[in-house]
């Protein structure tokens, strides 16, 4: 599950747990802000503007590779705020 611009917030963690139970699957939430999160729109904008995009892409690729290597993992899906992609 890809974080919104707020970062990995307690609400996002609850959503991930709910999705995991609902679909009986493992949900990983990679932290693209390295532990930073906020509820303030101005700070969230700052975090997104300063996101290390190459590092974020690398982290997401690492998560995909990790999941593909798990014996029990036959499918991987990525979900964000408005779209779902699977491969």
C-alpha atoms as a PDB file:
ATOM      1  CA  UNK A   1       0.000   0.000   0.000  1.00  0.00           C
ATOM      2  CA  UNK A   2       1.516   3.311  -1.082  1.00  0.00           C
ATOM      3  CA  UNK A   3       1.302   6.121   1.436  1.00  0.00           C
ATOM      4  CA  UNK A   4      -0.473   9.382   0.757  1.00  0.00           C
ATOM      5  CA  UNK A   5       1.454  12.642   1.001  1.00  0.00           C
ATOM      6  CA  UNK A   6       0.912  12.601   4.775  1.00  0.00           C
ATOM      7  CA  UNK A   7       3.355   9.702   5.180  1.00  0.00           C
ATOM      8  CA  UNK A   8       2.778   6.462   7.067  1.00  0.00           C
ATOM      9  CA  UNK A   9       0.215   7.677   9.575  1.00  0.00           C
ATOM     10  CA  UNK A  10      -1.656   5.699  12.232  1.00  0.00           C
ATOM     11  CA  UNK A  11      -4.760   5.937   9.990  1.00  0.00           C
ATOM     12  CA  UNK A  12      -2.884   4.406   7.061  1.00  0.00           C
ATOM     13  CA  UNK A  13      -1.668   1.579   9.285  1.00  0.00           C
ATOM     14  CA  UNK A  14      -5.264   0.897  10.344  1.00  0.00           C
ATOM     15  CA  UNK A  15      -6.351   0.862   6.697  1.00  0.00           C
ATOM     16  CA  UNK A  16      -3.573  -1.610   5.879  1.00  0.00           C
ATOM     17  CA  UNK A  17      -4.642  -3.907   8.734  1.00  0.00           C
ATOM     18  CA  UNK A  18      -8.273  -3.698   7.622  1.00  0.00           C
ATOM     19  CA  UNK A  19      -7.361  -4.518   4.022  1.00  0.00           C
ATOM     20  CA  UNK A  20      -5.202  -7.417   5.177  1.00  0.00           C
ATOM     21  CA  UNK A  21      -8.071  -8.930   7.169  1.00  0.00           C
ATOM     22  CA  UNK A  22     -10.676  -8.198   4.506  1.00  0.00           C
ATOM     23  CA  UNK A  23      -8.693  -9.829   1.696  1.00  0.00           C
ATOM     24  CA  UNK A  24      -6.801 -12.364   3.820  1.00  0.00           C
ATOM     25  CA  UNK A  25      -3.477 -11.146   2.467  1.00  0.00           C
ATOM     26  CA  UNK A  26      -0.224  -9.552   3.535  1.00  0.00           C
ATOM     27  CA  UNK A  27      -0.127  -5.770   3.229  1.00  0.00           C
ATOM     28  CA  UNK A  28       3.193  -3.958   3.282  1.00  0.00           C
ATOM     29  CA  UNK A  29       3.439  -0.181   3.607  1.00  0.00           C
ATOM     30  CA  UNK A  30       6.900   1.000   2.554  1.00  0.00           C
ATOM     31  CA  UNK A  31       7.883   4.214   4.335  1.00  0.00           C
ATOM     32  CA  UNK A  32       8.957   6.598   1.581  1.00  0.00           C
ATOM     33  CA  UNK A  33       9.568   9.482   4.023  1.00  0.00           C
ATOM     34  CA  UNK A  34      11.969   7.580   6.303  1.00  0.00           C
ATOM     35  CA  UNK A  35       9.825   7.776   9.421  1.00  0.00           C
ATOM     36  CA  UNK A  36       8.340  11.227   8.891  1.00  0.00           C
ATOM     37  CA  UNK A  37       4.592  11.811   8.770  1.00  0.00           C
ATOM     38  CA  UNK A  38       2.260  14.689   9.473  1.00  0.00           C
ATOM     39  CA  UNK A  39      -1.352  15.830   9.660  1.00  0.00           C
ATOM     40  CA  UNK A  40      -0.425  19.368   8.586  1.00  0.00           C
ATOM     41  CA  UNK A  41      -1.045  20.094   4.880  1.00  0.00           C
ATOM     42  CA  UNK A  42       1.847  22.540   4.570  1.00  0.00           C
ATOM     43  CA  UNK A  43       4.299  20.064   6.089  1.00  0.00           C
ATOM     44  CA  UNK A  44       2.905  17.249   3.914  1.00  0.00           C
ATOM     45  CA  UNK A  45       3.469  19.424   0.857  1.00  0.00           C
ATOM     46  CA  UNK A  46       7.046  20.019   2.012  1.00  0.00           C
ATOM     47  CA  UNK A  47       7.636  16.282   2.526  1.00  0.00           C
ATOM     48  CA  UNK A  48       6.329  15.471  -0.949  1.00  0.00           C
ATOM     49  CA  UNK A  49       8.329  18.275  -2.583  1.00  0.00           C
ATOM     50  CA  UNK A  50      11.492  16.938  -0.970  1.00  0.00           C
ATOM     51  CA  UNK A  51      10.846  13.262  -1.667  1.00  0.00           C
ATOM     52  CA  UNK A  52      13.889  11.439  -2.998  1.00  0.00           C
ATOM     53  CA  UNK A  53      12.085  10.029  -6.055  1.00  0.00           C
ATOM     54  CA  UNK A  54      14.890   7.718  -7.221  1.00  0.00           C
ATOM     55  CA  UNK A  55      15.173   6.382  -3.665  1.00  0.00           C
ATOM     56  CA  UNK A  56      11.403   5.921  -3.414  1.00  0.00           C
ATOM     57  CA  UNK A  57      11.302   3.985  -6.696  1.00  0.00           C
ATOM     58  CA  UNK A  58      14.211   1.828  -5.506  1.00  0.00           C
ATOM     59  CA  UNK A  59      12.418   1.118  -2.225  1.00  0.00           C
ATOM     60  CA  UNK A  60       9.246   0.088  -4.032  1.00  0.00           C
ATOM     61  CA  UNK A  61      11.219  -2.187  -6.349  1.00  0.00           C
ATOM     62  CA  UNK A  62      12.906  -3.756  -3.322  1.00  0.00           C
ATOM     63  CA  UNK A  63       9.513  -4.449  -1.754  1.00  0.00           C
ATOM     64  CA  UNK A  64       8.268  -6.041  -4.988  1.00  0.00           C
ATOM     65  CA  UNK A  65      11.391  -8.197  -5.244  1.00  0.00           C
ATOM     66  CA  UNK A  66      11.070  -9.245  -1.592  1.00  0.00           C
ATOM     67  CA  UNK A  67       7.438 -10.240  -2.050  1.00  0.00           C
ATOM     68  CA  UNK A  68       8.134 -12.198  -5.248  1.00  0.00           C
ATOM     69  CA  UNK A  69      10.770 -14.203  -3.364  1.00  0.00           C
ATOM     70  CA  UNK A  70       8.288 -15.311  -0.694  1.00  0.00           C
ATOM     71  CA  UNK A  71       7.110 -18.855  -1.280  1.00  0.00           C
ATOM     72  CA  UNK A  72       3.529 -18.124  -0.229  1.00  0.00           C
ATOM     73  CA  UNK A  73       3.266 -15.070  -2.487  1.00  0.00           C
ATOM     74  CA  UNK A  74       1.684 -15.835  -5.846  1.00  0.00           C
ATOM     75  CA  UNK A  75       0.284 -12.371  -6.646  1.00  0.00           C
ATOM     76  CA  UNK A  76       1.336  -8.815  -5.901  1.00  0.00           C
ATOM     77  CA  UNK A  77      -0.909  -5.767  -6.080  1.00  0.00           C
ATOM     78  CA  UNK A  78      -0.125  -2.119  -5.453  1.00  0.00           C
ATOM     79  CA  UNK A  79      -2.784   0.206  -4.125  1.00  0.00           C
ATOM     80  CA  UNK A  80      -2.664   3.959  -3.670  1.00  0.00           C
ATOM     81  CA  UNK A  81      -5.343   6.511  -2.989  1.00  0.00           C
ATOM     82  CA  UNK A  82      -7.349   6.099  -6.166  1.00  0.00           C
ATOM     83  CA  UNK A  83      -6.058   3.255  -8.355  1.00  0.00           C
ATOM     84  CA  UNK A  84      -5.131  -0.399  -8.019  1.00  0.00           C
ATOM     85  CA  UNK A  85      -2.523  -2.085 -10.201  1.00  0.00           C
ATOM     86  CA  UNK A  86      -1.477  -5.720 -10.144  1.00  0.00           C
ATOM     87  CA  UNK A  87       1.257  -7.653 -11.880  1.00  0.00           C
END
